[in-house]
Amino acid sequence: MYLTGDPDRPPVRISFPISYLLASCYAALGTVIAFHHRQRTDRGQHIDVSVQESVVSTLTNCLAHVGIQ
């Protein structure tokens, strides 16, 4: 919760469901990559996006920078 506020104050609440925003970005990126692959090879692909994995992969880099202030 330190990522969403100052260390000496309560955490700031994020009003928008960020998890769905991140998952939709990963889904859009996967769709563009699959479309590019389809144009080059004439073979389709299946896109499967996990909301939980999208959040975890994003927060992994954020947590490394918390102590660097």
PDB file of N, CA and C in Angstrom:
ATOM      1  N   MET A   1       0.826  -1.193   0.000  1.00  0.00           N
ATOM      2  CA  MET A   1       0.000   0.000   0.000  1.00  0.00           C
ATOM      3  C   MET A   1       0.871   1.258   0.000  1.00  0.00           C
ATOM      4  N   TYR A   2       2.162   1.094   0.235  1.00  0.00           N
ATOM      5  CA  TYR A   2       3.073   2.229   0.220  1.00  0.00           C
ATOM      6  C   TYR A   2       3.156   2.852  -1.172  1.00  0.00           C
ATOM      7  N   LEU A   3       2.875   2.079  -2.211  1.00  0.00           N
ATOM      8  CA  LEU A   3       2.972   2.587  -3.577  1.00  0.00           C
ATOM      9  C   LEU A   3       1.903   3.620  -3.902  1.00  0.00           C
ATOM     10  N   THR A   4       0.842   3.688  -3.111  1.00  0.00           N
ATOM     11  CA  THR A   4      -0.257   4.595  -3.434  1.00  0.00           C
ATOM     12  C   THR A   4      -0.382   5.729  -2.431  1.00  0.00           C
ATOM     13  N   GLY A   5       0.707   6.174  -1.871  1.00  0.00           N
ATOM     14  CA  GLY A   5       0.648   7.289  -0.936  1.00  0.00           C
ATOM     15  C   GLY A   5       2.002   7.589  -0.326  1.00  0.00           C
ATOM     16  N   ASP A   6       2.019   8.562   0.563  1.00  0.00           N
ATOM     17  CA  ASP A   6       3.239   8.930   1.271  1.00  0.00           C
ATOM     18  C   ASP A   6       3.462   7.988   2.451  1.00  0.00           C
ATOM     19  N   PRO A   7       4.719   7.742   2.837  1.00  0.00           N
ATOM     20  CA  PRO A   7       4.985   6.787   3.914  1.00  0.00           C
ATOM     21  C   PRO A   7       4.435   7.223   5.271  1.00  0.00           C
ATOM     22  N   ASP A   8       4.270   8.519   5.487  1.00  0.00           N
ATOM     23  CA  ASP A   8       3.795   8.991   6.784  1.00  0.00           C
ATOM     24  C   ASP A   8       2.296   9.267   6.814  1.00  0.00           C
ATOM     25  N   ARG A   9       1.578   8.904   5.744  1.00  0.00           N
ATOM     26  CA  ARG A   9       0.131   9.124   5.670  1.00  0.00           C
ATOM     27  C   ARG A   9      -0.566   7.830   5.278  1.00  0.00           C
ATOM     28  N   PRO A  10      -1.883   7.779   5.467  1.00  0.00           N
ATOM     29  CA  PRO A  10      -2.619   6.575   5.034  1.00  0.00           C
ATOM     30  C   PRO A  10      -2.542   6.399   3.514  1.00  0.00           C
ATOM     31  N   PRO A  11      -2.705   5.174   3.033  1.00  0.00           N
ATOM     32  CA  PRO A  11      -2.655   4.935   1.579  1.00  0.00           C
ATOM     33  C   PRO A  11      -3.786   5.644   0.850  1.00  0.00           C
ATOM     34  N   VAL A  12      -3.489   6.085  -0.349  1.00  0.00           N
ATOM     35  CA  VAL A  12      -4.488   6.726  -1.198  1.00  0.00           C
ATOM     36  C   VAL A  12      -5.255   5.636  -1.930  1.00  0.00           C
ATOM     37  N   ARG A  13      -6.566   5.727  -1.921  1.00  0.00           N
ATOM     38  CA  ARG A  13      -7.396   4.725  -2.599  1.00  0.00           C
ATOM     39  C   ARG A  13      -7.429   5.006  -4.091  1.00  0.00           C
ATOM     40  N   ILE A  14      -7.209   3.983  -4.879  1.00  0.00           N
ATOM     41  CA  ILE A  14      -7.317   4.107  -6.328  1.00  0.00           C
ATOM     42  C   ILE A  14      -8.772   3.874  -6.695  1.00  0.00           C
ATOM     43  N   SER A  15      -9.388   4.842  -7.361  1.00  0.00           N
ATOM     44  CA  SER A  15     -10.832   4.773  -7.608  1.00  0.00           C
ATOM     45  C   SER A  15     -11.215   3.911  -8.808  1.00  0.00           C
ATOM     46  N   PHE A  16     -10.293   3.689  -9.720  1.00  0.00           N
ATOM     47  CA  PHE A  16     -10.589   2.914 -10.922  1.00  0.00           C
ATOM     48  C   PHE A  16     -10.028   1.509 -10.749  1.00  0.00           C
ATOM     49  N   PRO A  17     -10.749   0.478 -11.194  1.00  0.00           N
ATOM     50  CA  PRO A  17     -10.219  -0.895 -11.064  1.00  0.00           C
ATOM     51  C   PRO A  17      -9.023  -1.114 -12.002  1.00  0.00           C
ATOM     52  N   ILE A  18      -7.842  -0.836 -11.503  1.00  0.00           N
ATOM     53  CA  ILE A  18      -6.614  -0.887 -12.293  1.00  0.00           C
ATOM     54  C   ILE A  18      -6.354  -2.292 -12.844  1.00  0.00           C
ATOM     55  N   SER A  19      -6.769  -3.306 -12.118  1.00  0.00           N
ATOM     56  CA  SER A  19      -6.505  -4.669 -12.576  1.00  0.00           C
ATOM     57  C   SER A  19      -7.144  -4.940 -13.938  1.00  0.00           C
ATOM     58  N   TYR A  20      -8.356  -4.460 -14.142  1.00  0.00           N
ATOM     59  CA  TYR A  20      -9.021  -4.671 -15.432  1.00  0.00           C
ATOM     60  C   TYR A  20      -8.394  -3.818 -16.528  1.00  0.00           C
ATOM     61  N   LEU A  21      -7.914  -2.641 -16.172  1.00  0.00           N
ATOM     62  CA  LEU A  21      -7.230  -1.793 -17.143  1.00  0.00           C
ATOM     63  C   LEU A  21      -5.936  -2.458 -17.620  1.00  0.00           C
ATOM     64  N   LEU A  22      -5.166  -2.993 -16.678  1.00  0.00           N
ATOM     65  CA  LEU A  22      -3.922  -3.673 -17.044  1.00  0.00           C
ATOM     66  C   LEU A  22      -4.194  -4.910 -17.901  1.00  0.00           C
ATOM     67  N   ALA A  23      -5.175  -5.711 -17.498  1.00  0.00           N
ATOM     68  CA  ALA A  23      -5.483  -6.928 -18.261  1.00  0.00           C
ATOM     69  C   ALA A  23      -5.951  -6.589 -19.668  1.00  0.00           C
ATOM     70  N   SER A  24      -6.738  -5.530 -19.809  1.00  0.00           N
ATOM     71  CA  SER A  24      -7.202  -5.161 -21.148  1.00  0.00           C
ATOM     72  C   SER A  24      -6.053  -4.658 -22.016  1.00  0.00           C
ATOM     73  N   CYS A  25      -5.070  -3.985 -21.409  1.00  0.00           N
ATOM     74  CA  CYS A  25      -3.888  -3.554 -22.169  1.00  0.00           C
ATOM     75  C   CYS A  25      -3.092  -4.759 -22.651  1.00  0.00           C
ATOM     76  N   TYR A  26      -2.897  -5.742 -21.767  1.00  0.00           N
ATOM     77  CA  TYR A  26      -2.182  -6.953 -22.170  1.00  0.00           C
ATOM     78  C   TYR A  26      -2.968  -7.724 -23.235  1.00  0.00           C
ATOM     79  N   ALA A  27      -4.286  -7.737 -23.128  1.00  0.00           N
ATOM     80  CA  ALA A  27      -5.103  -8.428 -24.131  1.00  0.00           C
ATOM     81  C   ALA A  27      -5.006  -7.729 -25.486  1.00  0.00           C
ATOM     82  N   ALA A  28      -5.026  -6.392 -25.471  1.00  0.00           N
ATOM     83  CA  ALA A  28      -4.899  -5.645 -26.728  1.00  0.00           C
ATOM     84  C   ALA A  28      -3.533  -5.878 -27.362  1.00  0.00           C
ATOM     85  N   LEU A  29      -2.492  -5.869 -26.553  1.00  0.00           N
ATOM     86  CA  LEU A  29      -1.151  -6.123 -27.068  1.00  0.00           C
ATOM     87  C   LEU A  29      -1.042  -7.536 -27.638  1.00  0.00           C
ATOM     88  N   GLY A  30      -1.593  -8.510 -26.929  1.00  0.00           N
ATOM     89  CA  GLY A  30      -1.587  -9.884 -27.433  1.00  0.00           C
ATOM     90  C   GLY A  30      -2.349 -10.026 -28.737  1.00  0.00           C
ATOM     91  N   THR A  31      -3.446  -9.289 -28.863  1.00  0.00           N
ATOM     92  CA  THR A  31      -4.236  -9.332 -30.094  1.00  0.00           C
ATOM     93  C   THR A  31      -3.461  -8.759 -31.273  1.00  0.00           C
ATOM     94  N   VAL A  32      -2.762  -7.660 -31.042  1.00  0.00           N
ATOM     95  CA  VAL A  32      -1.961  -7.056 -32.119  1.00  0.00           C
ATOM     96  C   VAL A  32      -0.824  -7.997 -32.540  1.00  0.00           C
ATOM     97  N   ILE A  33      -0.183  -8.610 -31.557  1.00  0.00           N
ATOM     98  CA  ILE A  33       0.895  -9.545 -31.888  1.00  0.00           C
ATOM     99  C   ILE A  33       0.357 -10.762 -32.641  1.00  0.00           C
ATOM    100  N   ALA A  34      -0.790 -11.288 -32.207  1.00  0.00           N
ATOM    101  CA  ALA A  34      -1.391 -12.437 -32.890  1.00  0.00           C
ATOM    102  C   ALA A  34      -1.826 -12.068 -34.303  1.00  0.00           C
ATOM    103  N   PHE A  35      -2.334 -10.855 -34.479  1.00  0.00           N
ATOM    104  CA  PHE A  35      -2.739 -10.408 -35.815  1.00  0.00           C
ATOM    105  C   PHE A  35      -1.519 -10.290 -36.729  1.00  0.00           C
ATOM    106  N   HIS A  36      -0.440  -9.748 -36.209  1.00  0.00           N
ATOM    107  CA  HIS A  36       0.797  -9.644 -36.992  1.00  0.00           C
ATOM    108  C   HIS A  36       1.294 -11.039 -37.383  1.00  0.00           C
ATOM    109  N   HIS A  37       1.237 -11.967 -36.444  1.00  0.00           N
ATOM    110  CA  HIS A  37       1.646 -13.349 -36.730  1.00  0.00           C
ATOM    111  C   HIS A  37       0.751 -13.966 -37.795  1.00  0.00           C
ATOM    112  N   ARG A  38      -0.543 -13.679 -37.719  1.00  0.00           N
ATOM    113  CA  ARG A  38      -1.502 -14.205 -38.703  1.00  0.00           C
ATOM    114  C   ARG A  38      -1.200 -13.668 -40.091  1.00  0.00           C
ATOM    115  N   GLN A  39      -0.836 -12.388 -40.182  1.00  0.00           N
ATOM    116  CA  GLN A  39      -0.530 -11.792 -41.481  1.00  0.00           C
ATOM    117  C   GLN A  39       0.715 -12.421 -42.109  1.00  0.00           C
ATOM    118  N   ARG A  40       1.651 -12.815 -41.285  1.00  0.00           N
ATOM    119  CA  ARG A  40       2.902 -13.370 -41.795  1.00  0.00           C
ATOM    120  C   ARG A  40       2.831 -14.860 -42.090  1.00  0.00           C
ATOM    121  N   THR A  41       2.035 -15.627 -41.312  1.00  0.00           N
ATOM    122  CA  THR A  41       2.072 -17.093 -41.440  1.00  0.00           C
ATOM    123  C   THR A  41       0.744 -17.719 -41.852  1.00  0.00           C
ATOM    124  N   ASP A  42      -0.340 -16.955 -41.886  1.00  0.00           N
ATOM    125  CA  ASP A  42      -1.693 -17.477 -42.165  1.00  0.00           C
ATOM    126  C   ASP A  42      -2.153 -18.487 -41.119  1.00  0.00           C
ATOM    127  N   ARG A  43      -1.613 -18.427 -39.917  1.00  0.00           N
ATOM    128  CA  ARG A  43      -2.044 -19.295 -38.820  1.00  0.00           C
ATOM    129  C   ARG A  43      -2.528 -18.431 -37.672  1.00  0.00           C
ATOM    130  N   GLY A  44      -3.689 -18.749 -37.144  1.00  0.00           N
ATOM    131  CA  GLY A  44      -4.242 -18.010 -36.022  1.00  0.00           C
ATOM    132  C   GLY A  44      -3.669 -18.458 -34.692  1.00  0.00           C
ATOM    133  N   GLN A  45      -3.944 -17.680 -33.652  1.00  0.00           N
ATOM    134  CA  GLN A  45      -3.477 -18.003 -32.312  1.00  0.00           C
ATOM    135  C   GLN A  45      -4.598 -17.751 -31.320  1.00  0.00           C
ATOM    136  N   HIS A  46      -4.470 -18.363 -30.156  1.00  0.00           N
ATOM    137  CA  HIS A  46      -5.431 -18.190 -29.065  1.00  0.00           C
ATOM    138  C   HIS A  46      -4.798 -17.276 -28.018  1.00  0.00           C
ATOM    139  N   ILE A  47      -5.534 -16.224 -27.612  1.00  0.00           N
ATOM    140  CA  ILE A  47      -5.046 -15.282 -26.605  1.00  0.00           C
ATOM    141  C   ILE A  47      -5.752 -15.588 -25.281  1.00  0.00           C
ATOM    142  N   ASP A  48      -4.978 -15.771 -24.212  1.00  0.00           N
ATOM    143  CA  ASP A  48      -5.524 -16.017 -22.886  1.00  0.00           C
ATOM    144  C   ASP A  48      -4.823 -15.077 -21.907  1.00  0.00           C
ATOM    145  N   VAL A  49      -5.590 -14.163 -21.301  1.00  0.00           N
ATOM    146  CA  VAL A  49      -5.013 -13.162 -20.405  1.00  0.00           C
ATOM    147  C   VAL A  49      -5.562 -13.376 -18.997  1.00  0.00           C
ATOM    148  N   SER A  50      -4.672 -13.412 -18.021  1.00  0.00           N
ATOM    149  CA  SER A  50      -5.056 -13.533 -16.623  1.00  0.00           C
ATOM    150  C   SER A  50      -4.977 -12.147 -15.974  1.00  0.00           C
ATOM    151  N   VAL A  51      -6.057 -11.733 -15.326  1.00  0.00           N
ATOM    152  CA  VAL A  51      -6.077 -10.443 -14.639  1.00  0.00           C
ATOM    153  C   VAL A  51      -5.051 -10.456 -13.504  1.00  0.00           C
ATOM    154  N   GLN A  52      -5.001 -11.536 -12.762  1.00  0.00           N
ATOM    155  CA  GLN A  52      -4.084 -11.633 -11.632  1.00  0.00           C
ATOM    156  C   GLN A  52      -2.624 -11.576 -12.092  1.00  0.00           C
ATOM    157  N   GLU A  53      -2.282 -12.290 -13.139  1.00  0.00           N
ATOM    158  CA  GLU A  53      -0.906 -12.258 -13.640  1.00  0.00           C
ATOM    159  C   GLU A  53      -0.544 -10.894 -14.200  1.00  0.00           C
ATOM    160  N   SER A  54      -1.506 -10.175 -14.770  1.00  0.00           N
ATOM    161  CA  SER A  54      -1.249  -8.831 -15.277  1.00  0.00           C
ATOM    162  C   SER A  54      -0.848  -7.893 -14.148  1.00  0.00           C
ATOM    163  N   VAL A  55      -1.549  -7.969 -13.029  1.00  0.00           N
ATOM    164  CA  VAL A  55      -1.233  -7.115 -11.876  1.00  0.00           C
ATOM    165  C   VAL A  55       0.115  -7.508 -11.271  1.00  0.00           C
ATOM    166  N   VAL A  56       0.345  -8.799 -11.109  1.00  0.00           N
ATOM    167  CA  VAL A  56       1.592  -9.259 -10.502  1.00  0.00           C
ATOM    168  C   VAL A  56       2.790  -8.842 -11.350  1.00  0.00           C
ATOM    169  N   SER A  57       2.696  -8.992 -12.661  1.00  0.00           N
ATOM    170  CA  SER A  57       3.829  -8.640 -13.515  1.00  0.00           C
ATOM    171  C   SER A  57       4.092  -7.140 -13.496  1.00  0.00           C
ATOM    172  N   THR A  58       3.070  -6.335 -13.286  1.00  0.00           N
ATOM    173  CA  THR A  58       3.248  -4.886 -13.215  1.00  0.00           C
ATOM    174  C   THR A  58       3.839  -4.480 -11.870  1.00  0.00           C
ATOM    175  N   LEU A  59       3.359  -5.068 -10.788  1.00  0.00           N
ATOM    176  CA  LEU A  59       3.835  -4.688  -9.460  1.00  0.00           C
ATOM    177  C   LEU A  59       5.223  -5.225  -9.142  1.00  0.00           C
ATOM    178  N   THR A  60       5.681  -6.216  -9.864  1.00  0.00           N
ATOM    179  CA  THR A  60       7.005  -6.774  -9.612  1.00  0.00           C
ATOM    180  C   THR A  60       8.080  -5.703  -9.747  1.00  0.00           C
ATOM    181  N   ASN A  61       7.988  -4.874 -10.778  1.00  0.00           N
ATOM    182  CA  ASN A  61       8.975  -3.816 -10.970  1.00  0.00           C
ATOM    183  C   ASN A  61       8.770  -2.663  -9.997  1.00  0.00           C
ATOM    184  N   CYS A  62       7.551  -2.380  -9.601  1.00  0.00           N
ATOM    185  CA  CYS A  62       7.284  -1.282  -8.671  1.00  0.00           C
ATOM    186  C   CYS A  62       7.878  -1.557  -7.299  1.00  0.00           C
ATOM    187  N   LEU A  63       7.777  -2.770  -6.833  1.00  0.00           N
ATOM    188  CA  LEU A  63       8.268  -3.099  -5.507  1.00  0.00           C
ATOM    189  C   LEU A  63       9.786  -2.977  -5.409  1.00  0.00           C
ATOM    190  N   ALA A  64      10.480  -3.150  -6.491  1.00  0.00           N
ATOM    191  CA  ALA A  64      11.934  -3.024  -6.464  1.00  0.00           C
ATOM    192  C   ALA A  64      12.370  -1.577  -6.275  1.00  0.00           C
ATOM    193  N   HIS A  65      11.519  -0.624  -6.655  1.00  0.00           N
ATOM    194  CA  HIS A  65      11.865   0.789  -6.582  1.00  0.00           C
ATOM    195  C   HIS A  65      11.362   1.469  -5.311  1.00  0.00           C
ATOM    196  N   VAL A  66      10.673   0.771  -4.445  1.00  0.00           N
ATOM    197  CA  VAL A  66      10.127   1.384  -3.232  1.00  0.00           C
ATOM    198  C   VAL A  66      11.231   1.846  -2.301  1.00  0.00           C
ATOM    199  N   GLY A  67      12.267   1.054  -2.125  1.00  0.00           N
ATOM    200  CA  GLY A  67      13.333   1.405  -1.198  1.00  0.00           C
ATOM    201  C   GLY A  67      14.337   2.408  -1.734  1.00  0.00           C
ATOM    202  N   ILE A  68      14.195   2.830  -2.992  1.00  0.00           N
ATOM    203  CA  ILE A  68      15.179   3.718  -3.606  1.00  0.00           C
ATOM    204  C   ILE A  68      14.723   5.167  -3.516  1.00  0.00           C
ATOM    205  N   GLN A  69      14.500   5.700  -2.374  1.00  0.00           N
ATOM    206  CA  GLN A  69      14.062   7.093  -2.316  1.00  0.00           C
ATOM    207  C   GLN A  69      14.953   7.931  -1.506  1.00  0.00           C
TER     208      GLN A  69
END
